[in-house]
């Protein structure tokens, strides 16, 4: 079964977030760089995952995204 790029990138972003689950938040540019995902596309994906209740986000210098369901 072939996944769409959006699905593949979403899974890769979630995988990256599981590595720091409960310890820290990750900024979108960090996820994009490590997973080789275009940042503009990643932003849309992270927003969809947040709306689905899988991620939380925090603003500011120490902000970022975190996994809220395990």
Foldseek 3Di string as FASTA:
>chain_A
DDDDPLVVLLVQLVVVQVVQAPNAADALVVSCVVVVNPSVSSVVSVVVCVVVVQWDWDDDPRIHIHGDDD
